[in-house]
Amino acid sequence: MKQKLNKILPGGSIKSSILLFILLVLPFCTYNYISKGNNNFVKLAVIGGDNHKIPSYSFINQNKDTITNEDYDGNIYIVDFFFTTCPTICPTMTYNMRYVQNKLSKYPNIKFLSHSVNPDYDTPERLKEYIKSMRVDESNWNFVTGNKDSIYKIAQSYFASASVDELAPGGFLHSEQFMIVDKEGRVRSGYSNFICEECGGTSKKSKMACSDCGANQSYKGNPVGSYDGTRDHILKDLIKDVETLLAEYHKDAKVEKNVK
């Protein structure tokens, strides 16, 4: 073998040794790189565990159509809670959700779902008026109303909150968060579940200065893994995390295809 290599590569043993090194080591390095890449593929956390899924629901949307979980099964969707007469954060949340919708419009099968926390007032007609005033694209976005207890209960499944509160602006208290739900009905998040104790800003790292107020290492556990719908930089994280989830499904589909 060595004699043949010496004939092919003038200069003798040094070049033959280099060639042997490449032949022996390169396949191992390639395999290691591929394996490491597969093992380190980023996946969003499943909030509440694999067994926690959004239960069945049935509400009425702005077009007086019945909307159930079956309308969202097999789709990634983003959820929030609001009410049309909200004097504070709701218009901002809807505007920001519209921004997210626009940024993700190139991806098919992504949907949006907004629940009214004041369903007694927010009839389908009033939801329709609100949608028009906010210039919302309804093609993949339902605004729903229905039984108040059912809406408040489903909020808990999303790790959100919704309740009547006479002291709150507008008389209702609800989360300002957006939640990502995967095709299996599970809440997903790219956050490592940390929230700043000083200002409420969120971060994907537990030991760093808050990007909002600069507080150092002031993060505590945030079990909801949600996204503040009133903060611009959080919206960008949400969009990236939806794309990460899409990539996760794409990768799983390729693996399943290769197995077959």
C-alpha atoms as a PDB file:
ATOM      1  CA  MET A   1       0.000   0.000   0.000  1.00  0.00           C
ATOM      2  CA  LYS A   2       2.778   2.377   0.964  1.00  0.00           C
ATOM      3  CA  GLN A   3       4.741   1.610  -2.205  1.00  0.00           C
ATOM      4  CA  LYS A   4       1.682   2.318  -4.363  1.00  0.00           C
ATOM      5  CA  LEU A   5       1.060   5.625  -2.569  1.00  0.00           C
ATOM      6  CA  ASN A   6       4.683   6.631  -3.058  1.00  0.00           C
ATOM      7  CA  LYS A   7       4.322   6.058  -6.785  1.00  0.00           C
ATOM      8  CA  ILE A   8       1.120   8.104  -6.951  1.00  0.00           C
ATOM      9  CA  LEU A   9       2.401  10.888  -4.706  1.00  0.00           C
ATOM     10  CA  PRO A  10       5.974  11.904  -5.459  1.00  0.00           C
ATOM     11  CA  GLY A  11       7.718  12.970  -2.350  1.00  0.00           C
ATOM     12  CA  GLY A  12       7.088   9.808  -0.456  1.00  0.00           C
ATOM     13  CA  SER A  13       5.982   9.074   3.067  1.00  0.00           C
ATOM     14  CA  ILE A  14       4.786  12.529   4.214  1.00  0.00           C
ATOM     15  CA  LYS A  15       2.154  12.842   1.513  1.00  0.00           C
ATOM     16  CA  SER A  16       1.119   9.229   1.915  1.00  0.00           C
ATOM     17  CA  SER A  17       0.714   9.744   5.661  1.00  0.00           C
ATOM     18  CA  ILE A  18      -1.497  12.780   5.054  1.00  0.00           C
ATOM     19  CA  LEU A  19      -3.646  10.803   2.638  1.00  0.00           C
ATOM     20  CA  LEU A  20      -3.966   7.922   5.086  1.00  0.00           C
ATOM     21  CA  PHE A  21      -4.967  10.371   7.826  1.00  0.00           C
ATOM     22  CA  ILE A  22      -7.695  11.847   5.615  1.00  0.00           C
ATOM     23  CA  LEU A  23      -8.986   8.421   4.627  1.00  0.00           C
ATOM     24  CA  LEU A  24      -9.149   7.219   8.224  1.00  0.00           C
ATOM     25  CA  VAL A  25     -10.227  10.336  10.133  1.00  0.00           C
ATOM     26  CA  LEU A  26     -12.557  12.173   7.747  1.00  0.00           C
ATOM     27  CA  PRO A  27     -15.371   9.582   7.817  1.00  0.00           C
ATOM     28  CA  PHE A  28     -15.369   9.620  11.628  1.00  0.00           C
ATOM     29  CA  CYS A  29     -15.435  13.437  11.731  1.00  0.00           C
ATOM     30  CA  THR A  30     -18.263  13.565   9.211  1.00  0.00           C
ATOM     31  CA  TYR A  31     -20.318  11.047  11.181  1.00  0.00           C
ATOM     32  CA  ASN A  32     -19.640  12.903  14.421  1.00  0.00           C
ATOM     33  CA  TYR A  33     -20.664  16.223  12.856  1.00  0.00           C
ATOM     34  CA  ILE A  34     -23.916  14.828  11.520  1.00  0.00           C
ATOM     35  CA  SER A  35     -24.741  13.063  14.788  1.00  0.00           C
ATOM     36  CA  LYS A  36     -23.974  16.141  16.825  1.00  0.00           C
ATOM     37  CA  GLY A  37     -26.123  18.252  14.537  1.00  0.00           C
ATOM     38  CA  ASN A  38     -29.085  15.915  14.974  1.00  0.00           C
ATOM     39  CA  ASN A  39     -28.687  15.703  18.732  1.00  0.00           C
ATOM     40  CA  ASN A  40     -28.358  19.479  19.118  1.00  0.00           C
ATOM     41  CA  PHE A  41     -31.375  20.358  16.972  1.00  0.00           C
ATOM     42  CA  VAL A  42     -33.277  23.095  18.778  1.00  0.00           C
ATOM     43  CA  LYS A  43     -36.796  22.230  19.908  1.00  0.00           C
ATOM     44  CA  LEU A  44     -39.322  24.341  21.757  1.00  0.00           C
ATOM     45  CA  ALA A  45     -40.210  23.313  25.285  1.00  0.00           C
ATOM     46  CA  VAL A  46     -43.550  21.563  25.816  1.00  0.00           C
ATOM     47  CA  ILE A  47     -45.166  23.607  28.576  1.00  0.00           C
ATOM     48  CA  GLY A  48     -46.939  21.442  31.126  1.00  0.00           C
ATOM     49  CA  GLY A  49     -45.493  18.225  29.710  1.00  0.00           C
ATOM     50  CA  ASP A  50     -46.411  16.041  26.733  1.00  0.00           C
ATOM     51  CA  ASN A  51     -49.693  14.976  28.324  1.00  0.00           C
ATOM     52  CA  HIS A  52     -50.990  18.519  28.790  1.00  0.00           C
ATOM     53  CA  LYS A  53     -53.184  19.351  25.803  1.00  0.00           C
ATOM     54  CA  ILE A  54     -55.844  21.964  25.179  1.00  0.00           C
ATOM     55  CA  PRO A  55     -59.228  20.299  25.872  1.00  0.00           C
ATOM     56  CA  SER A  56     -62.150  20.314  23.461  1.00  0.00           C
ATOM     57  CA  TYR A  57     -63.932  23.646  23.095  1.00  0.00           C
ATOM     58  CA  SER A  58     -66.778  25.216  21.134  1.00  0.00           C
ATOM     59  CA  PHE A  59     -67.221  28.969  20.644  1.00  0.00           C
ATOM     60  CA  ILE A  60     -68.877  31.357  18.164  1.00  0.00           C
ATOM     61  CA  ASN A  61     -66.766  33.594  15.954  1.00  0.00           C
ATOM     62  CA  GLN A  62     -67.287  37.004  14.352  1.00  0.00           C
ATOM     63  CA  ASN A  63     -69.173  35.403  11.449  1.00  0.00           C
ATOM     64  CA  LYS A  64     -71.536  33.482  13.768  1.00  0.00           C
ATOM     65  CA  ASP A  65     -69.790  30.229  12.852  1.00  0.00           C
ATOM     66  CA  THR A  66     -69.127  27.558  15.473  1.00  0.00           C
ATOM     67  CA  ILE A  67     -65.394  27.211  16.083  1.00  0.00           C
ATOM     68  CA  THR A  68     -64.091  24.065  17.783  1.00  0.00           C
ATOM     69  CA  ASN A  69     -60.713  22.522  18.456  1.00  0.00           C
ATOM     70  CA  GLU A  70     -61.193  20.474  15.282  1.00  0.00           C
ATOM     71  CA  ASP A  71     -60.802  23.678  13.264  1.00  0.00           C
ATOM     72  CA  TYR A  72     -57.291  24.027  14.683  1.00  0.00           C
ATOM     73  CA  ASP A  73     -56.159  20.410  15.006  1.00  0.00           C
ATOM     74  CA  GLY A  74     -53.110  19.733  12.852  1.00  0.00           C
ATOM     75  CA  ASN A  75     -52.187  23.426  12.716  1.00  0.00           C
ATOM     76  CA  ILE A  76     -49.811  25.636  14.643  1.00  0.00           C
ATOM     77  CA  TYR A  77     -51.777  28.517  16.112  1.00  0.00           C
ATOM     78  CA  ILE A  78     -51.271  31.553  18.327  1.00  0.00           C
ATOM     79  CA  VAL A  79     -53.732  32.452  21.084  1.00  0.00           C
ATOM     80  CA  ASP A  80     -54.610  35.489  23.162  1.00  0.00           C
ATOM     81  CA  PHE A  81     -57.398  36.925  25.344  1.00  0.00           C
ATOM     82  CA  PHE A  82     -58.913  40.407  25.006  1.00  0.00           C
ATOM     83  CA  PHE A  83     -62.201  42.358  25.002  1.00  0.00           C
ATOM     84  CA  THR A  84     -63.453  44.956  22.564  1.00  0.00           C
ATOM     85  CA  THR A  85     -64.049  47.740  25.111  1.00  0.00           C
ATOM     86  CA  CYS A  86     -60.638  47.353  26.757  1.00  0.00           C
ATOM     87  CA  PRO A  87     -59.267  50.855  27.436  1.00  0.00           C
ATOM     88  CA  THR A  88     -55.629  49.824  27.832  1.00  0.00           C
ATOM     89  CA  ILE A  89     -53.588  46.998  26.281  1.00  0.00           C
ATOM     90  CA  CYS A  90     -56.044  45.144  24.009  1.00  0.00           C
ATOM     91  CA  PRO A  91     -55.758  47.376  20.925  1.00  0.00           C
ATOM     92  CA  THR A  92     -51.976  47.130  21.194  1.00  0.00           C
ATOM     93  CA  MET A  93     -52.188  43.356  21.500  1.00  0.00           C
ATOM     94  CA  THR A  94     -54.435  43.070  18.451  1.00  0.00           C
ATOM     95  CA  TYR A  95     -52.186  45.366  16.453  1.00  0.00           C
ATOM     96  CA  ASN A  96     -49.151  43.306  17.469  1.00  0.00           C
ATOM     97  CA  MET A  97     -50.886  40.025  16.658  1.00  0.00           C
ATOM     98  CA  ARG A  98     -51.669  41.491  13.240  1.00  0.00           C
ATOM     99  CA  TYR A  99     -47.947  42.219  12.857  1.00  0.00           C
ATOM    100  CA  VAL A 100     -47.110  38.605  13.743  1.00  0.00           C
ATOM    101  CA  GLN A 101     -49.769  37.369  11.319  1.00  0.00           C
ATOM    102  CA  ASN A 102     -48.237  39.415   8.523  1.00  0.00           C
ATOM    103  CA  LYS A 103     -44.697  38.231   9.253  1.00  0.00           C
ATOM    104  CA  LEU A 104     -45.807  34.580   9.233  1.00  0.00           C
ATOM    105  CA  SER A 105     -48.111  34.901   6.212  1.00  0.00           C
ATOM    106  CA  LYS A 106     -45.625  33.074   3.962  1.00  0.00           C
ATOM    107  CA  TYR A 107     -46.178  29.882   5.958  1.00  0.00           C
ATOM    108  CA  PRO A 108     -49.391  27.922   5.289  1.00  0.00           C
ATOM    109  CA  ASN A 109     -51.503  26.352   8.040  1.00  0.00           C
ATOM    110  CA  ILE A 110     -50.671  28.866  10.774  1.00  0.00           C
ATOM    111  CA  LYS A 111     -53.770  30.213  12.479  1.00  0.00           C
ATOM    112  CA  PHE A 112     -54.765  32.719  15.152  1.00  0.00           C
ATOM    113  CA  LEU A 113     -57.412  32.636  17.885  1.00  0.00           C
ATOM    114  CA  SER A 114     -58.538  35.532  20.101  1.00  0.00           C
ATOM    115  CA  HIS A 115     -60.995  34.942  22.959  1.00  0.00           C
ATOM    116  CA  SER A 116     -63.203  37.679  24.390  1.00  0.00           C
ATOM    117  CA  VAL A 117     -63.149  37.782  28.192  1.00  0.00           C
ATOM    118  CA  ASN A 118     -66.376  39.820  28.084  1.00  0.00           C
ATOM    119  CA  PRO A 119     -68.551  37.495  25.999  1.00  0.00           C
ATOM    120  CA  ASP A 120     -71.837  38.861  27.366  1.00  0.00           C
ATOM    121  CA  TYR A 121     -71.123  42.162  25.607  1.00  0.00           C
ATOM    122  CA  ASP A 122     -68.890  40.990  22.775  1.00  0.00           C
ATOM    123  CA  THR A 123     -71.449  39.512  20.420  1.00  0.00           C
ATOM    124  CA  PRO A 124     -70.408  38.347  16.930  1.00  0.00           C
ATOM    125  CA  GLU A 125     -71.611  41.704  15.586  1.00  0.00           C
ATOM    126  CA  ARG A 126     -69.423  43.651  18.010  1.00  0.00           C
ATOM    127  CA  LEU A 127     -66.467  41.388  17.282  1.00  0.00           C
ATOM    128  CA  LYS A 128     -66.967  42.129  13.591  1.00  0.00           C
ATOM    129  CA  GLU A 129     -66.977  45.866  14.242  1.00  0.00           C
ATOM    130  CA  TYR A 130     -63.789  45.573  16.287  1.00  0.00           C
ATOM    131  CA  ILE A 131     -62.099  43.570  13.532  1.00  0.00           C
ATOM    132  CA  LYS A 132     -62.979  46.198  10.939  1.00  0.00           C
ATOM    133  CA  SER A 133     -61.726  49.007  13.150  1.00  0.00           C
ATOM    134  CA  MET A 134     -58.422  47.174  13.633  1.00  0.00           C
ATOM    135  CA  ARG A 135     -58.160  46.243   9.925  1.00  0.00           C
ATOM    136  CA  VAL A 136     -57.639  42.578  10.717  1.00  0.00           C
ATOM    137  CA  ASP A 137     -57.179  39.894   8.063  1.00  0.00           C
ATOM    138  CA  GLU A 138     -59.817  37.287   8.979  1.00  0.00           C
ATOM    139  CA  SER A 139     -58.610  34.586   6.598  1.00  0.00           C
ATOM    140  CA  ASN A 140     -56.862  32.590   9.332  1.00  0.00           C
ATOM    141  CA  TRP A 141     -57.909  34.460  12.466  1.00  0.00           C
ATOM    142  CA  ASN A 142     -61.032  33.837  14.561  1.00  0.00           C
ATOM    143  CA  PHE A 143     -62.287  36.161  17.279  1.00  0.00           C
ATOM    144  CA  VAL A 144     -64.568  34.112  19.501  1.00  0.00           C
ATOM    145  CA  THR A 145     -67.249  34.646  22.114  1.00  0.00           C
ATOM    146  CA  GLY A 146     -69.336  32.182  24.082  1.00  0.00           C
ATOM    147  CA  ASN A 147     -69.992  30.960  27.590  1.00  0.00           C
ATOM    148  CA  LYS A 148     -67.983  33.040  30.054  1.00  0.00           C
ATOM    149  CA  ASP A 149     -67.116  30.133  32.355  1.00  0.00           C
ATOM    150  CA  SER A 150     -65.934  28.061  29.393  1.00  0.00           C
ATOM    151  CA  ILE A 151     -63.693  30.865  28.148  1.00  0.00           C
ATOM    152  CA  TYR A 152     -62.205  31.464  31.584  1.00  0.00           C
ATOM    153  CA  LYS A 153     -61.610  27.745  32.027  1.00  0.00           C
ATOM    154  CA  ILE A 154     -59.937  27.327  28.643  1.00  0.00           C
ATOM    155  CA  ALA A 155     -57.635  30.239  29.531  1.00  0.00           C
ATOM    156  CA  GLN A 156     -56.181  28.129  32.337  1.00  0.00           C
ATOM    157  CA  SER A 157     -55.372  25.377  29.834  1.00  0.00           C
ATOM    158  CA  TYR A 158     -53.255  27.890  27.935  1.00  0.00           C
ATOM    159  CA  PHE A 159     -51.609  28.925  31.243  1.00  0.00           C
ATOM    160  CA  ALA A 160     -53.274  32.318  30.859  1.00  0.00           C
ATOM    161  CA  SER A 161     -55.682  34.176  33.130  1.00  0.00           C
ATOM    162  CA  ALA A 162     -59.102  35.732  32.555  1.00  0.00           C
ATOM    163  CA  SER A 163     -61.555  37.020  35.132  1.00  0.00           C
ATOM    164  CA  VAL A 164     -64.004  39.735  36.104  1.00  0.00           C
ATOM    165  CA  ASP A 165     -62.314  42.445  38.165  1.00  0.00           C
ATOM    166  CA  GLU A 166     -64.199  45.637  38.967  1.00  0.00           C
ATOM    167  CA  LEU A 167     -60.954  47.357  39.934  1.00  0.00           C
ATOM    168  CA  ALA A 168     -59.238  46.584  36.621  1.00  0.00           C
ATOM    169  CA  PRO A 169     -59.508  49.013  33.686  1.00  0.00           C
ATOM    170  CA  GLY A 170     -62.678  48.112  31.811  1.00  0.00           C
ATOM    171  CA  GLY A 171     -63.807  45.715  34.548  1.00  0.00           C
ATOM    172  CA  PHE A 172     -61.900  42.653  33.353  1.00  0.00           C
ATOM    173  CA  LEU A 173     -58.488  41.187  34.070  1.00  0.00           C
ATOM    174  CA  HIS A 174     -56.672  39.050  31.505  1.00  0.00           C
ATOM    175  CA  SER A 175     -53.183  38.041  30.449  1.00  0.00           C
ATOM    176  CA  GLU A 176     -51.387  40.234  27.950  1.00  0.00           C
ATOM    177  CA  GLN A 177     -49.601  37.125  26.692  1.00  0.00           C
ATOM    178  CA  PHE A 178     -49.559  35.308  23.366  1.00  0.00           C
ATOM    179  CA  MET A 179     -49.256  31.519  23.448  1.00  0.00           C
ATOM    180  CA  ILE A 180     -48.016  29.125  20.748  1.00  0.00           C
ATOM    181  CA  VAL A 181     -49.957  25.872  20.338  1.00  0.00           C
ATOM    182  CA  ASP A 182     -48.558  23.039  18.230  1.00  0.00           C
ATOM    183  CA  LYS A 183     -50.307  20.625  15.863  1.00  0.00           C
ATOM    184  CA  GLU A 184     -50.997  18.233  18.737  1.00  0.00           C
ATOM    185  CA  GLY A 185     -52.689  20.877  20.881  1.00  0.00           C
ATOM    186  CA  ARG A 186     -49.747  21.419  23.255  1.00  0.00           C
ATOM    187  CA  VAL A 187     -48.484  24.806  24.457  1.00  0.00           C
ATOM    188  CA  ARG A 188     -44.919  25.345  23.225  1.00  0.00           C
ATOM    189  CA  SER A 189     -42.270  27.940  24.058  1.00  0.00           C
ATOM    190  CA  GLY A 190     -38.711  28.817  23.150  1.00  0.00           C
ATOM    191  CA  TYR A 191     -38.164  30.569  26.453  1.00  0.00           C
ATOM    192  CA  SER A 192     -36.216  28.866  29.201  1.00  0.00           C
ATOM    193  CA  ASN A 193     -39.012  29.995  31.522  1.00  0.00           C
ATOM    194  CA  PHE A 194     -37.383  33.018  33.084  1.00  0.00           C
ATOM    195  CA  ILE A 195     -38.924  36.402  33.777  1.00  0.00           C
ATOM    196  CA  CYS A 196     -37.304  39.509  35.259  1.00  0.00           C
ATOM    197  CA  GLU A 197     -38.366  40.183  38.844  1.00  0.00           C
ATOM    198  CA  GLU A 198     -37.653  43.888  38.420  1.00  0.00           C
ATOM    199  CA  CYS A 199     -39.662  44.802  35.325  1.00  0.00           C
ATOM    200  CA  GLY A 200     -41.300  41.641  34.006  1.00  0.00           C
ATOM    201  CA  GLY A 201     -39.092  41.400  30.929  1.00  0.00           C
ATOM    202  CA  THR A 202     -38.454  37.888  29.643  1.00  0.00           C
ATOM    203  CA  SER A 203     -35.257  36.194  28.568  1.00  0.00           C
ATOM    204  CA  LYS A 204     -34.129  32.903  27.075  1.00  0.00           C
ATOM    205  CA  LYS A 205     -31.215  32.784  29.517  1.00  0.00           C
ATOM    206  CA  SER A 206     -31.355  32.551  33.271  1.00  0.00           C
ATOM    207  CA  LYS A 207     -28.144  34.368  34.136  1.00  0.00           C
ATOM    208  CA  MET A 208     -27.870  37.600  32.198  1.00  0.00           C
ATOM    209  CA  ALA A 209     -28.784  41.249  32.465  1.00  0.00           C
ATOM    210  CA  CYS A 210     -32.387  42.009  31.619  1.00  0.00           C
ATOM    211  CA  SER A 211     -32.642  43.517  28.134  1.00  0.00           C
ATOM    212  CA  ASP A 212     -35.329  45.912  29.392  1.00  0.00           C
ATOM    213  CA  CYS A 213     -34.067  47.292  32.696  1.00  0.00           C
ATOM    214  CA  GLY A 214     -30.498  45.960  32.954  1.00  0.00           C
ATOM    215  CA  ALA A 215     -31.047  44.099  36.229  1.00  0.00           C
ATOM    216  CA  ASN A 216     -28.459  41.346  36.683  1.00  0.00           C
ATOM    217  CA  GLN A 217     -29.424  37.716  37.304  1.00  0.00           C
ATOM    218  CA  SER A 218     -32.875  38.730  38.483  1.00  0.00           C
ATOM    219  CA  TYR A 219     -34.858  35.996  36.817  1.00  0.00           C
ATOM    220  CA  LYS A 220     -37.333  33.678  38.458  1.00  0.00           C
ATOM    221  CA  GLY A 221     -39.205  30.664  37.129  1.00  0.00           C
ATOM    222  CA  ASN A 222     -42.077  31.484  34.769  1.00  0.00           C
ATOM    223  CA  PRO A 223     -44.048  28.259  34.201  1.00  0.00           C
ATOM    224  CA  VAL A 224     -46.304  29.665  31.502  1.00  0.00           C
ATOM    225  CA  GLY A 225     -43.622  30.024  28.816  1.00  0.00           C
ATOM    226  CA  SER A 226     -45.676  32.715  27.085  1.00  0.00           C
ATOM    227  CA  TYR A 227     -44.866  35.850  25.106  1.00  0.00           C
ATOM    228  CA  ASP A 228     -45.741  39.380  26.195  1.00  0.00           C
ATOM    229  CA  GLY A 229     -47.978  40.683  23.414  1.00  0.00           C
ATOM    230  CA  THR A 230     -47.192  44.309  24.244  1.00  0.00           C
ATOM    231  CA  ARG A 231     -43.398  44.169  23.803  1.00  0.00           C
ATOM    232  CA  ASP A 232     -41.886  44.541  20.336  1.00  0.00           C
ATOM    233  CA  HIS A 233     -38.732  42.523  20.970  1.00  0.00           C
ATOM    234  CA  ILE A 234     -40.809  39.658  22.387  1.00  0.00           C
ATOM    235  CA  LEU A 235     -42.828  39.538  19.161  1.00  0.00           C
ATOM    236  CA  LYS A 236     -39.629  38.906  17.227  1.00  0.00           C
ATOM    237  CA  ASP A 237     -38.816  36.015  19.549  1.00  0.00           C
ATOM    238  CA  LEU A 238     -42.292  34.588  19.034  1.00  0.00           C
ATOM    239  CA  ILE A 239     -41.931  34.720  15.248  1.00  0.00           C
ATOM    240  CA  LYS A 240     -38.539  33.004  15.411  1.00  0.00           C
ATOM    241  CA  ASP A 241     -39.938  30.339  17.725  1.00  0.00           C
ATOM    242  CA  VAL A 242     -42.841  29.594  15.392  1.00  0.00           C
ATOM    243  CA  GLU A 243     -40.280  29.151  12.615  1.00  0.00           C
ATOM    244  CA  THR A 244     -38.301  26.853  14.911  1.00  0.00           C
ATOM    245  CA  LEU A 245     -41.428  24.777  15.494  1.00  0.00           C
ATOM    246  CA  LEU A 246     -42.046  24.595  11.744  1.00  0.00           C
ATOM    247  CA  ALA A 247     -38.464  23.392  11.262  1.00  0.00           C
ATOM    248  CA  GLU A 248     -38.999  20.784  13.963  1.00  0.00           C
ATOM    249  CA  TYR A 249     -42.000  19.346  12.125  1.00  0.00           C
ATOM    250  CA  HIS A 250     -40.114  19.484   8.822  1.00  0.00           C
ATOM    251  CA  LYS A 251     -37.190  17.576  10.321  1.00  0.00           C
ATOM    252  CA  ASP A 252     -39.470  14.960  11.893  1.00  0.00           C
ATOM    253  CA  ALA A 253     -41.226  14.470   8.549  1.00  0.00           C
ATOM    254  CA  LYS A 254     -37.886  13.926   6.788  1.00  0.00           C
ATOM    255  CA  VAL A 255     -36.778  11.401   9.405  1.00  0.00           C
ATOM    256  CA  GLU A 256     -40.082   9.531   9.110  1.00  0.00           C
ATOM    257  CA  LYS A 257     -39.759   9.501   5.314  1.00  0.00           C
ATOM    258  CA  ASN A 258     -36.205   8.136   5.492  1.00  0.00           C
ATOM    259  CA  VAL A 259     -37.289   5.401   7.903  1.00  0.00           C
ATOM    260  CA  LYS A 260     -39.974   4.274   5.474  1.00  0.00           C
END
